[in-house]
Amino acid sequence: MPSKSSPSSPAAEQVADDHIAAVRAFNRFYTRKLGVLDQHLGKTPFSLSEARVLYELAHRDDLAAKEIGNELGLDPGYLSRIVQSFDEKGLITRRPLPADRRQYQLSLTAKGRQAFAKLNLNSQNEVAAMLAQLSPGDATRLTQAMATIEAVLEPPRNQPAAFMLRSHRVGDIGWVISRQAAAYAADYNWDISYEALVAEICAQFIKNYDAAREHCWIAEVEGEPVGSIFLVKATDQIAKLRLLQVEKKARGLGVGRALVEQCIQGARERGYSKMTLWTQSILLAARGIYKSAGFKLVKEEKHHSFGADLVGETWELDL
């Protein structure tokens, strides 16, 4: 008797067999290479699902358990067991939602943030070790290909251009100095003394760079740098946000907000308890981003710098 073939959907019949095979082969390679099928992530007590829940809680405030379940596609019963385990270990707090006492709002405790920081650092180190085996050019090709896959499978909505954030690499710091100086000279007529200040900050960042406590992020659109931000150590407990800048052609895409949010997340992941920054009252767009991110203005001081009369402002954020 002839064997029965498996039924296929009309959509599957319209797709070339070699395309299907290629995607399935890539999926097998990807899961094997990055180890996402492991029961527990390397050097941590957390499963992949538990790590995903921790990630959501670390990056968004006061999430409802139901929201996490919907976004991650987790079975409610399984998610409930994860939440219960986190609660028993002192990693989270739970508060009933005012609108529905059966639902809970979840937040990470200090212990929970420490657990996530360790998990995140382990993951970052594993990926860094993998990328270290590649040349800078191959690493760029790899990350750009990943961005292409994301953009094709889940195109951004209502966004004129897609951007990505990446870590700094050789040549970026020189770009930061040049673009900061040119942008503030063009927009605010600041003189070359501002370029000297930026160059000094950047030189100190490179000279004293501590990867465990500091970082620089570069925003890119189609491989071209369009923005930057620095996270630097002020004290063991206080991080400093420095040198936020977005190119004119990339303004309106949400690049500045994304850079600030990434910097705040980076500070939390590295165990800081507070962030501080120094800006000027005339930088209205940046001030708006800082305010919406939760920073509070704590000090104002008039000064004459960069060839202009300015009002310097110190802002702080409790993490």
C-alpha atoms as a PDB file:
ATOM      1  CA  MET A   1       0.000   0.000   0.000  1.00  0.00           C
ATOM      2  CA  PRO A   2       1.261   3.501  -0.727  1.00  0.00           C
ATOM      3  CA  SER A   3       2.195   5.475   2.371  1.00  0.00           C
ATOM      4  CA  LYS A   4       0.087   8.455   3.340  1.00  0.00           C
ATOM      5  CA  SER A   5       1.829  11.809   3.044  1.00  0.00           C
ATOM      6  CA  SER A   6       1.506  14.406   5.767  1.00  0.00           C
ATOM      7  CA  PRO A   7      -1.068  17.082   4.970  1.00  0.00           C
ATOM      8  CA  SER A   8       0.281  20.518   4.203  1.00  0.00           C
ATOM      9  CA  SER A   9      -1.360  23.921   4.339  1.00  0.00           C
ATOM     10  CA  PRO A  10      -1.974  25.992   1.179  1.00  0.00           C
ATOM     11  CA  ALA A  11       0.523  28.563   2.490  1.00  0.00           C
ATOM     12  CA  ALA A  12       3.242  25.907   2.893  1.00  0.00           C
ATOM     13  CA  GLU A  13       2.622  24.631  -0.644  1.00  0.00           C
ATOM     14  CA  GLN A  14       3.361  28.112  -2.028  1.00  0.00           C
ATOM     15  CA  VAL A  15       6.799  28.285  -0.366  1.00  0.00           C
ATOM     16  CA  ALA A  16       9.843  26.816  -2.115  1.00  0.00           C
ATOM     17  CA  ASP A  17      11.142  23.636  -0.475  1.00  0.00           C
ATOM     18  CA  ASP A  18      14.727  24.924  -0.508  1.00  0.00           C
ATOM     19  CA  HIS A  19      13.668  28.054   1.388  1.00  0.00           C
ATOM     20  CA  ILE A  20      11.946  25.968   4.048  1.00  0.00           C
ATOM     21  CA  ALA A  21      14.963  23.698   4.342  1.00  0.00           C
ATOM     22  CA  ALA A  22      17.310  26.683   4.629  1.00  0.00           C
ATOM     23  CA  VAL A  23      15.292  28.277   7.453  1.00  0.00           C
ATOM     24  CA  ARG A  24      15.049  24.984   9.350  1.00  0.00           C
ATOM     25  CA  ALA A  25      18.782  24.377   8.937  1.00  0.00           C
ATOM     26  CA  PHE A  26      19.570  27.869  10.216  1.00  0.00           C
ATOM     27  CA  ASN A  27      17.271  27.346  13.193  1.00  0.00           C
ATOM     28  CA  ARG A  28      19.100  24.130  14.129  1.00  0.00           C
ATOM     29  CA  PHE A  29      22.480  25.854  13.738  1.00  0.00           C
ATOM     30  CA  TYR A  30      21.401  28.927  15.719  1.00  0.00           C
ATOM     31  CA  THR A  31      19.989  26.976  18.660  1.00  0.00           C
ATOM     32  CA  ARG A  32      23.069  24.760  18.788  1.00  0.00           C
ATOM     33  CA  LYS A  33      25.536  27.663  18.520  1.00  0.00           C
ATOM     34  CA  LEU A  34      23.950  29.931  21.118  1.00  0.00           C
ATOM     35  CA  GLY A  35      22.780  27.114  23.376  1.00  0.00           C
ATOM     36  CA  VAL A  36      19.216  28.347  23.695  1.00  0.00           C
ATOM     37  CA  LEU A  37      17.976  24.757  24.025  1.00  0.00           C
ATOM     38  CA  ASP A  38      19.988  24.176  27.228  1.00  0.00           C
ATOM     39  CA  GLN A  39      17.840  23.479  30.261  1.00  0.00           C
ATOM     40  CA  HIS A  40      19.799  26.039  32.281  1.00  0.00           C
ATOM     41  CA  LEU A  41      21.897  28.968  31.150  1.00  0.00           C
ATOM     42  CA  GLY A  42      25.624  28.640  31.718  1.00  0.00           C
ATOM     43  CA  LYS A  43      26.831  29.323  35.270  1.00  0.00           C
ATOM     44  CA  THR A  44      23.369  30.324  36.534  1.00  0.00           C
ATOM     45  CA  PRO A  45      20.529  28.490  38.303  1.00  0.00           C
ATOM     46  CA  PHE A  46      17.923  29.851  35.883  1.00  0.00           C
ATOM     47  CA  SER A  47      16.174  28.156  32.999  1.00  0.00           C
ATOM     48  CA  LEU A  48      15.732  29.991  29.709  1.00  0.00           C
ATOM     49  CA  SER A  49      12.100  30.896  30.561  1.00  0.00           C
ATOM     50  CA  GLU A  50      13.084  32.135  34.017  1.00  0.00           C
ATOM     51  CA  ALA A  51      15.833  34.253  32.473  1.00  0.00           C
ATOM     52  CA  ARG A  52      13.350  35.780  30.014  1.00  0.00           C
ATOM     53  CA  VAL A  53      11.000  36.708  32.874  1.00  0.00           C
ATOM     54  CA  LEU A  54      13.889  38.251  34.824  1.00  0.00           C
ATOM     55  CA  TYR A  55      14.883  40.241  31.745  1.00  0.00           C
ATOM     56  CA  GLU A  56      11.384  41.692  31.322  1.00  0.00           C
ATOM     57  CA  LEU A  57      11.209  42.662  34.994  1.00  0.00           C
ATOM     58  CA  ALA A  58      14.671  44.244  34.901  1.00  0.00           C
ATOM     59  CA  HIS A  59      13.852  46.405  31.905  1.00  0.00           C
ATOM     60  CA  ARG A  60      10.262  47.460  32.639  1.00  0.00           C
ATOM     61  CA  ASP A  61       8.755  48.730  35.861  1.00  0.00           C
ATOM     62  CA  ASP A  62       5.701  47.298  37.616  1.00  0.00           C
ATOM     63  CA  LEU A  63       4.662  44.683  35.071  1.00  0.00           C
ATOM     64  CA  ALA A  64       1.583  42.579  35.620  1.00  0.00           C
ATOM     65  CA  ALA A  65       2.182  38.828  35.560  1.00  0.00           C
ATOM     66  CA  LYS A  66      -0.451  38.477  32.844  1.00  0.00           C
ATOM     67  CA  GLU A  67       1.415  40.972  30.610  1.00  0.00           C
ATOM     68  CA  ILE A  68       4.621  38.952  30.877  1.00  0.00           C
ATOM     69  CA  GLY A  69       2.789  35.729  30.077  1.00  0.00           C
ATOM     70  CA  ASN A  70       1.131  37.232  27.011  1.00  0.00           C
ATOM     71  CA  GLU A  71       4.320  38.793  25.648  1.00  0.00           C
ATOM     72  CA  LEU A  72       6.505  35.730  26.215  1.00  0.00           C
ATOM     73  CA  GLY A  73       3.841  33.191  25.260  1.00  0.00           C
ATOM     74  CA  LEU A  74       4.183  31.309  28.556  1.00  0.00           C
ATOM     75  CA  ASP A  75       1.543  28.948  29.892  1.00  0.00           C
ATOM     76  CA  PRO A  76      -0.228  30.656  32.855  1.00  0.00           C
ATOM     77  CA  GLY A  77       0.396  27.680  35.133  1.00  0.00           C
ATOM     78  CA  TYR A  78       4.094  27.556  34.256  1.00  0.00           C
ATOM     79  CA  LEU A  79       4.450  31.317  34.698  1.00  0.00           C
ATOM     80  CA  SER A  80       2.691  31.078  38.072  1.00  0.00           C
ATOM     81  CA  ARG A  81       5.270  28.528  39.239  1.00  0.00           C
ATOM     82  CA  ILE A  82       8.113  30.786  38.094  1.00  0.00           C
ATOM     83  CA  VAL A  83       6.602  33.777  39.929  1.00  0.00           C
ATOM     84  CA  GLN A  84       6.076  31.690  43.073  1.00  0.00           C
ATOM     85  CA  SER A  85       9.692  30.482  42.950  1.00  0.00           C
ATOM     86  CA  PHE A  86      11.013  34.030  42.492  1.00  0.00           C
ATOM     87  CA  ASP A  87       8.860  35.217  45.399  1.00  0.00           C
ATOM     88  CA  GLU A  88      10.123  32.462  47.709  1.00  0.00           C
ATOM     89  CA  LYS A  89      13.723  33.319  46.808  1.00  0.00           C
ATOM     90  CA  GLY A  90      13.175  37.011  47.554  1.00  0.00           C
ATOM     91  CA  LEU A  91      13.789  38.087  43.961  1.00  0.00           C
ATOM     92  CA  ILE A  92      10.482  39.924  43.443  1.00  0.00           C
ATOM     93  CA  THR A  93       7.704  41.751  45.228  1.00  0.00           C
ATOM     94  CA  ARG A  94       4.039  41.194  44.358  1.00  0.00           C
ATOM     95  CA  ARG A  95       1.242  43.735  44.753  1.00  0.00           C
ATOM     96  CA  PRO A  96      -2.405  43.151  43.783  1.00  0.00           C
ATOM     97  CA  LEU A  97      -3.570  45.334  40.914  1.00  0.00           C
ATOM     98  CA  PRO A  98      -6.156  47.894  42.071  1.00  0.00           C
ATOM     99  CA  ALA A  99      -8.345  47.130  39.042  1.00  0.00           C
ATOM    100  CA  ASP A 100      -8.225  43.349  39.531  1.00  0.00           C
ATOM    101  CA  ARG A 101      -7.159  41.945  42.897  1.00  0.00           C
ATOM    102  CA  ARG A 102      -6.615  38.537  41.295  1.00  0.00           C
ATOM    103  CA  GLN A 103      -3.758  39.940  39.205  1.00  0.00           C
ATOM    104  CA  TYR A 104      -0.356  40.970  40.577  1.00  0.00           C
ATOM    105  CA  GLN A 105       2.065  43.722  39.743  1.00  0.00           C
ATOM    106  CA  LEU A 106       5.644  42.427  39.863  1.00  0.00           C
ATOM    107  CA  SER A 107       8.879  44.270  40.624  1.00  0.00           C
ATOM    108  CA  LEU A 108      12.427  43.064  41.191  1.00  0.00           C
ATOM    109  CA  THR A 109      13.904  43.427  44.662  1.00  0.00           C
ATOM    110  CA  ALA A 110      17.521  44.481  45.191  1.00  0.00           C
ATOM    111  CA  LYS A 111      18.364  40.773  45.401  1.00  0.00           C
ATOM    112  CA  GLY A 112      16.497  40.200  42.149  1.00  0.00           C
ATOM    113  CA  ARG A 113      18.408  42.952  40.372  1.00  0.00           C
ATOM    114  CA  GLN A 114      21.685  41.481  41.609  1.00  0.00           C
ATOM    115  CA  ALA A 115      20.643  38.058  40.279  1.00  0.00           C
ATOM    116  CA  PHE A 116      19.768  39.572  36.902  1.00  0.00           C
ATOM    117  CA  ALA A 117      23.020  41.570  36.795  1.00  0.00           C
ATOM    118  CA  LYS A 118      25.002  38.335  37.279  1.00  0.00           C
ATOM    119  CA  LEU A 119      22.900  36.505  34.694  1.00  0.00           C
ATOM    120  CA  ASN A 120      23.238  39.354  32.209  1.00  0.00           C
ATOM    121  CA  LEU A 121      27.006  39.602  32.702  1.00  0.00           C
ATOM    122  CA  ASN A 122      27.412  35.849  32.138  1.00  0.00           C
ATOM    123  CA  SER A 123      25.381  36.060  28.946  1.00  0.00           C
ATOM    124  CA  GLN A 124      27.282  39.135  27.768  1.00  0.00           C
ATOM    125  CA  ASN A 125      30.629  37.418  28.420  1.00  0.00           C
ATOM    126  CA  GLU A 126      29.573  34.283  26.511  1.00  0.00           C
ATOM    127  CA  VAL A 127      28.505  36.289  23.471  1.00  0.00           C
ATOM    128  CA  ALA A 128      31.641  38.447  23.707  1.00  0.00           C
ATOM    129  CA  ALA A 129      33.779  35.287  23.718  1.00  0.00           C
ATOM    130  CA  MET A 130      32.004  34.058  20.584  1.00  0.00           C
ATOM    131  CA  LEU A 131      32.409  37.402  18.790  1.00  0.00           C
ATOM    132  CA  ALA A 132      36.060  37.674  19.868  1.00  0.00           C
ATOM    133  CA  GLN A 133      36.836  34.794  17.524  1.00  0.00           C
ATOM    134  CA  LEU A 134      35.696  36.918  14.566  1.00  0.00           C
ATOM    135  CA  SER A 135      37.435  39.765  12.814  1.00  0.00           C
ATOM    136  CA  PRO A 136      35.847  43.230  13.358  1.00  0.00           C
ATOM    137  CA  GLY A 137      34.512  43.087   9.803  1.00  0.00           C
ATOM    138  CA  ASP A 138      32.919  39.659  10.274  1.00  0.00           C
ATOM    139  CA  ALA A 139      31.412  40.733  13.609  1.00  0.00           C
ATOM    140  CA  THR A 140      29.826  43.717  11.865  1.00  0.00           C
ATOM    141  CA  ARG A 141      28.479  41.512   9.052  1.00  0.00           C
ATOM    142  CA  LEU A 142      27.024  39.118  11.622  1.00  0.00           C
ATOM    143  CA  THR A 143      25.200  41.757  13.670  1.00  0.00           C
ATOM    144  CA  GLN A 144      23.935  43.532  10.569  1.00  0.00           C
ATOM    145  CA  ALA A 145      22.606  40.209   9.219  1.00  0.00           C
ATOM    146  CA  MET A 146      20.809  39.653  12.535  1.00  0.00           C
ATOM    147  CA  ALA A 147      19.267  43.126  12.265  1.00  0.00           C
ATOM    148  CA  THR A 148      18.145  42.285   8.724  1.00  0.00           C
ATOM    149  CA  ILE A 149      16.443  39.079   9.904  1.00  0.00           C
ATOM    150  CA  GLU A 150      14.608  41.039  12.617  1.00  0.00           C
ATOM    151  CA  ALA A 151      13.542  43.760  10.196  1.00  0.00           C
ATOM    152  CA  VAL A 152      12.259  41.262   7.597  1.00  0.00           C
ATOM    153  CA  LEU A 153      10.363  39.011  10.002  1.00  0.00           C
ATOM    154  CA  GLU A 154       8.999  41.809  12.194  1.00  0.00           C
ATOM    155  CA  PRO A 155       9.128  45.146  10.353  1.00  0.00           C
ATOM    156  CA  PRO A 156       9.021  48.246  12.577  1.00  0.00           C
ATOM    157  CA  ARG A 157       5.639  49.953  12.553  1.00  0.00           C
ATOM    158  CA  ASN A 158       5.168  53.641  11.887  1.00  0.00           C
ATOM    159  CA  GLN A 159       8.917  54.202  11.858  1.00  0.00           C
ATOM    160  CA  PRO A 160      10.625  55.802   8.868  1.00  0.00           C
ATOM    161  CA  ALA A 161      13.983  54.100   9.511  1.00  0.00           C
ATOM    162  CA  ALA A 162      15.239  51.280  11.711  1.00  0.00           C
ATOM    163  CA  PHE A 163      18.184  51.884  14.010  1.00  0.00           C
ATOM    164  CA  MET A 164      20.253  49.616  16.204  1.00  0.00           C
ATOM    165  CA  LEU A 165      22.423  50.190  19.279  1.00  0.00           C
ATOM    166  CA  ARG A 166      25.818  48.530  19.553  1.00  0.00           C
ATOM    167  CA  SER A 167      28.923  48.725  21.717  1.00  0.00           C
ATOM    168  CA  HIS A 168      31.730  51.054  20.718  1.00  0.00           C
ATOM    169  CA  ARG A 169      34.674  49.770  18.715  1.00  0.00           C
ATOM    170  CA  VAL A 170      37.937  51.135  17.321  1.00  0.00           C
ATOM    171  CA  GLY A 171      37.355  54.444  15.541  1.00  0.00           C
ATOM    172  CA  ASP A 172      34.061  55.289  17.266  1.00  0.00           C
ATOM    173  CA  ILE A 173      35.525  57.527  19.955  1.00  0.00           C
ATOM    174  CA  GLY A 174      37.176  59.740  17.365  1.00  0.00           C
ATOM    175  CA  TRP A 175      33.826  59.982  15.579  1.00  0.00           C
ATOM    176  CA  VAL A 176      32.140  61.014  18.854  1.00  0.00           C
ATOM    177  CA  ILE A 177      34.639  63.838  19.423  1.00  0.00           C
ATOM    178  CA  SER A 178      34.309  65.127  15.863  1.00  0.00           C
ATOM    179  CA  ARG A 179      30.503  64.990  15.693  1.00  0.00           C
ATOM    180  CA  GLN A 180      29.940  66.425  19.189  1.00  0.00           C
ATOM    181  CA  ALA A 181      32.150  69.415  18.384  1.00  0.00           C
ATOM    182  CA  ALA A 182      30.628  70.017  14.948  1.00  0.00           C
ATOM    183  CA  ALA A 183      27.024  69.611  16.116  1.00  0.00           C
ATOM    184  CA  TYR A 184      27.258  72.014  19.062  1.00  0.00           C
ATOM    185  CA  ALA A 185      29.201  74.547  17.000  1.00  0.00           C
ATOM    186  CA  ALA A 186      26.497  74.455  14.315  1.00  0.00           C
ATOM    187  CA  ASP A 187      23.489  74.442  16.642  1.00  0.00           C
ATOM    188  CA  TYR A 188      24.681  76.661  19.518  1.00  0.00           C
ATOM    189  CA  ASN A 189      27.852  78.381  18.210  1.00  0.00           C
ATOM    190  CA  TRP A 190      30.010  76.797  20.933  1.00  0.00           C
ATOM    191  CA  ASP A 191      33.725  77.318  20.396  1.00  0.00           C
ATOM    192  CA  ILE A 192      36.612  74.858  20.173  1.00  0.00           C
ATOM    193  CA  SER A 193      36.964  74.662  23.971  1.00  0.00           C
ATOM    194  CA  TYR A 194      33.956  72.323  23.932  1.00  0.00           C
ATOM    195  CA  GLU A 195      35.804  70.013  21.535  1.00  0.00           C
ATOM    196  CA  ALA A 196      38.729  70.051  23.969  1.00  0.00           C
ATOM    197  CA  LEU A 197      36.418  69.033  26.830  1.00  0.00           C
ATOM    198  CA  VAL A 198      34.863  66.188  24.816  1.00  0.00           C
ATOM    199  CA  ALA A 199      38.300  64.993  23.725  1.00  0.00           C
ATOM    200  CA  GLU A 200      39.454  64.961  27.351  1.00  0.00           C
ATOM    201  CA  ILE A 201      36.380  63.005  28.503  1.00  0.00           C
ATOM    202  CA  CYS A 202      36.802  60.495  25.689  1.00  0.00           C
ATOM    203  CA  ALA A 203      40.550  60.108  26.292  1.00  0.00           C
ATOM    204  CA  GLN A 204      39.934  59.365  29.978  1.00  0.00           C
ATOM    205  CA  PHE A 205      37.207  56.881  29.038  1.00  0.00           C
ATOM    206  CA  ILE A 206      39.585  54.946  26.784  1.00  0.00           C
ATOM    207  CA  LYS A 207      42.535  55.167  29.172  1.00  0.00           C
ATOM    208  CA  ASN A 208      40.611  54.042  32.287  1.00  0.00           C
ATOM    209  CA  TYR A 209      37.936  51.892  30.649  1.00  0.00           C
ATOM    210  CA  ASP A 210      36.423  49.319  33.033  1.00  0.00           C
ATOM    211  CA  ALA A 211      34.180  47.010  30.998  1.00  0.00           C
ATOM    212  CA  ALA A 212      32.434  45.710  34.113  1.00  0.00           C
ATOM    213  CA  ARG A 213      31.357  49.207  35.195  1.00  0.00           C
ATOM    214  CA  GLU A 214      31.377  51.401  32.069  1.00  0.00           C
ATOM    215  CA  HIS A 215      30.178  51.338  28.485  1.00  0.00           C
ATOM    216  CA  CYS A 216      29.616  53.372  25.340  1.00  0.00           C
ATOM    217  CA  TRP A 217      26.725  52.736  22.966  1.00  0.00           C
ATOM    218  CA  ILE A 218      26.643  53.829  19.343  1.00  0.00           C
ATOM    219  CA  ALA A 219      23.357  54.153  17.438  1.00  0.00           C
ATOM    220  CA  GLU A 220      23.451  53.113  13.775  1.00  0.00           C
ATOM    221  CA  VAL A 221      21.106  53.430  10.807  1.00  0.00           C
ATOM    222  CA  GLU A 222      22.049  51.075   7.963  1.00  0.00           C
ATOM    223  CA  GLY A 223      25.591  50.750   9.334  1.00  0.00           C
ATOM    224  CA  GLU A 224      26.163  54.498   9.727  1.00  0.00           C
ATOM    225  CA  PRO A 225      26.708  56.011  13.223  1.00  0.00           C
ATOM    226  CA  VAL A 226      23.973  58.512  14.126  1.00  0.00           C
ATOM    227  CA  GLY A 227      24.257  58.865  17.895  1.00  0.00           C
ATOM    228  CA  SER A 228      26.154  57.987  21.055  1.00  0.00           C
ATOM    229  CA  ILE A 229      26.027  57.891  24.840  1.00  0.00           C
ATOM    230  CA  PHE A 230      28.492  56.997  27.607  1.00  0.00           C
ATOM    231  CA  LEU A 231      28.032  55.303  30.975  1.00  0.00           C
ATOM    232  CA  VAL A 232      30.994  56.061  33.244  1.00  0.00           C
ATOM    233  CA  LYS A 233      31.793  55.360  36.871  1.00  0.00           C
ATOM    234  CA  ALA A 234      31.555  58.313  39.263  1.00  0.00           C
ATOM    235  CA  THR A 235      31.751  56.230  42.476  1.00  0.00           C
ATOM    236  CA  ASP A 236      31.101  52.587  43.335  1.00  0.00           C
ATOM    237  CA  GLN A 237      27.395  53.420  43.735  1.00  0.00           C
ATOM    238  CA  ILE A 238      26.909  56.353  41.354  1.00  0.00           C
ATOM    239  CA  ALA A 239      27.063  56.164  37.546  1.00  0.00           C
ATOM    240  CA  LYS A 240      27.371  59.180  35.287  1.00  0.00           C
ATOM    241  CA  LEU A 241      25.561  59.594  31.944  1.00  0.00           C
ATOM    242  CA  ARG A 242      27.734  61.550  29.505  1.00  0.00           C
ATOM    243  CA  LEU A 243      27.861  62.852  25.929  1.00  0.00           C
ATOM    244  CA  LEU A 244      24.385  62.042  24.646  1.00  0.00           C
ATOM    245  CA  GLN A 245      24.251  63.142  21.008  1.00  0.00           C
ATOM    246  CA  VAL A 246      22.001  62.382  18.026  1.00  0.00           C
ATOM    247  CA  GLU A 247      22.692  63.453  14.454  1.00  0.00           C
ATOM    248  CA  LYS A 248      20.110  65.804  12.945  1.00  0.00           C
ATOM    249  CA  LYS A 249      19.149  63.339  10.213  1.00  0.00           C
ATOM    250  CA  ALA A 250      18.243  60.732  12.856  1.00  0.00           C
ATOM    251  CA  ARG A 251      16.167  62.961  15.108  1.00  0.00           C
ATOM    252  CA  GLY A 252      12.537  61.964  15.440  1.00  0.00           C
ATOM    253  CA  LEU A 253      13.311  58.235  15.270  1.00  0.00           C
ATOM    254  CA  GLY A 254      13.508  57.771  19.041  1.00  0.00           C
ATOM    255  CA  VAL A 255      17.293  57.340  18.998  1.00  0.00           C
ATOM    256  CA  GLY A 256      17.945  59.694  21.923  1.00  0.00           C
ATOM    257  CA  ARG A 257      15.310  58.069  24.103  1.00  0.00           C
ATOM    258  CA  ALA A 258      16.609  54.590  23.242  1.00  0.00           C
ATOM    259  CA  LEU A 259      20.185  55.585  24.085  1.00  0.00           C
ATOM    260  CA  VAL A 260      19.166  57.029  27.458  1.00  0.00           C
ATOM    261  CA  GLU A 261      17.044  53.989  28.306  1.00  0.00           C
ATOM    262  CA  GLN A 262      19.921  51.689  27.357  1.00  0.00           C
ATOM    263  CA  CYS A 263      22.296  53.700  29.529  1.00  0.00           C
ATOM    264  CA  ILE A 264      19.921  53.468  32.513  1.00  0.00           C
ATOM    265  CA  GLN A 265      19.498  49.729  32.002  1.00  0.00           C
ATOM    266  CA  GLY A 266      23.254  49.356  31.742  1.00  0.00           C
ATOM    267  CA  ALA A 267      23.721  51.180  35.049  1.00  0.00           C
ATOM    268  CA  ARG A 268      21.179  48.960  36.783  1.00  0.00           C
ATOM    269  CA  GLU A 269      22.735  45.822  35.375  1.00  0.00           C
ATOM    270  CA  ARG A 270      26.144  46.913  36.670  1.00  0.00           C
ATOM    271  CA  GLY A 271      24.842  47.375  40.206  1.00  0.00           C
ATOM    272  CA  TYR A 272      24.736  51.166  40.526  1.00  0.00           C
ATOM    273  CA  SER A 273      22.158  52.700  42.868  1.00  0.00           C
ATOM    274  CA  LYS A 274      22.051  56.201  41.355  1.00  0.00           C
ATOM    275  CA  MET A 275      22.760  58.027  38.093  1.00  0.00           C
ATOM    276  CA  THR A 276      23.771  61.628  37.621  1.00  0.00           C
ATOM    277  CA  LEU A 277      24.316  63.867  34.588  1.00  0.00           C
ATOM    278  CA  TRP A 278      25.305  67.434  33.786  1.00  0.00           C
ATOM    279  CA  THR A 279      23.574  69.304  30.976  1.00  0.00           C
ATOM    280  CA  GLN A 280      22.619  72.825  29.937  1.00  0.00           C
ATOM    281  CA  SER A 281      19.224  74.519  30.197  1.00  0.00           C
ATOM    282  CA  ILE A 282      19.191  75.317  26.466  1.00  0.00           C
ATOM    283  CA  LEU A 283      19.343  71.645  25.456  1.00  0.00           C
ATOM    284  CA  LEU A 284      15.573  71.283  25.523  1.00  0.00           C
ATOM    285  CA  ALA A 285      15.232  67.981  23.637  1.00  0.00           C
ATOM    286  CA  ALA A 286      17.770  66.222  25.856  1.00  0.00           C
ATOM    287  CA  ARG A 287      16.192  67.674  29.018  1.00  0.00           C
ATOM    288  CA  GLY A 288      12.814  66.350  27.901  1.00  0.00           C
ATOM    289  CA  ILE A 289      14.234  62.854  27.466  1.00  0.00           C
ATOM    290  CA  TYR A 290      15.921  62.951  30.878  1.00  0.00           C
ATOM    291  CA  LYS A 291      12.740  64.137  32.558  1.00  0.00           C
ATOM    292  CA  SER A 292      10.557  61.470  30.931  1.00  0.00           C
ATOM    293  CA  ALA A 293      13.111  58.822  31.963  1.00  0.00           C
ATOM    294  CA  GLY A 294      12.666  59.814  35.607  1.00  0.00           C
ATOM    295  CA  PHE A 295      15.644  62.100  36.198  1.00  0.00           C
ATOM    296  CA  LYS A 296      15.117  64.984  38.648  1.00  0.00           C
ATOM    297  CA  LEU A 297      16.732  68.409  38.388  1.00  0.00           C
ATOM    298  CA  VAL A 298      18.684  68.940  41.625  1.00  0.00           C
ATOM    299  CA  LYS A 299      21.007  71.879  40.916  1.00  0.00           C
ATOM    300  CA  GLU A 300      21.340  74.902  38.595  1.00  0.00           C
ATOM    301  CA  GLU A 301      24.380  77.116  38.176  1.00  0.00           C
ATOM    302  CA  LYS A 302      25.180  79.966  35.780  1.00  0.00           C
ATOM    303  CA  HIS A 303      28.554  79.782  34.065  1.00  0.00           C
ATOM    304  CA  HIS A 304      30.436  81.029  31.004  1.00  0.00           C
ATOM    305  CA  SER A 305      31.821  78.136  28.975  1.00  0.00           C
ATOM    306  CA  PHE A 306      32.469  77.277  25.338  1.00  0.00           C
ATOM    307  CA  GLY A 307      32.176  80.959  24.436  1.00  0.00           C
ATOM    308  CA  ALA A 308      28.607  81.285  25.725  1.00  0.00           C
ATOM    309  CA  ASP A 309      26.681  82.286  28.863  1.00  0.00           C
ATOM    310  CA  LEU A 310      24.963  79.121  30.044  1.00  0.00           C
ATOM    311  CA  VAL A 311      22.974  77.636  32.916  1.00  0.00           C
ATOM    312  CA  GLY A 312      24.411  74.275  33.888  1.00  0.00           C
ATOM    313  CA  GLU A 313      22.051  71.709  35.395  1.00  0.00           C
ATOM    314  CA  THR A 314      22.695  68.602  37.463  1.00  0.00           C
ATOM    315  CA  TRP A 315      20.080  65.850  37.207  1.00  0.00           C
ATOM    316  CA  GLU A 316      19.826  62.636  39.258  1.00  0.00           C
ATOM    317  CA  LEU A 317      17.961  59.345  39.025  1.00  0.00           C
ATOM    318  CA  ASP A 318      17.578  56.753  41.790  1.00  0.00           C
ATOM    319  CA  LEU A 319      17.928  53.285  40.316  1.00  0.00           C
END
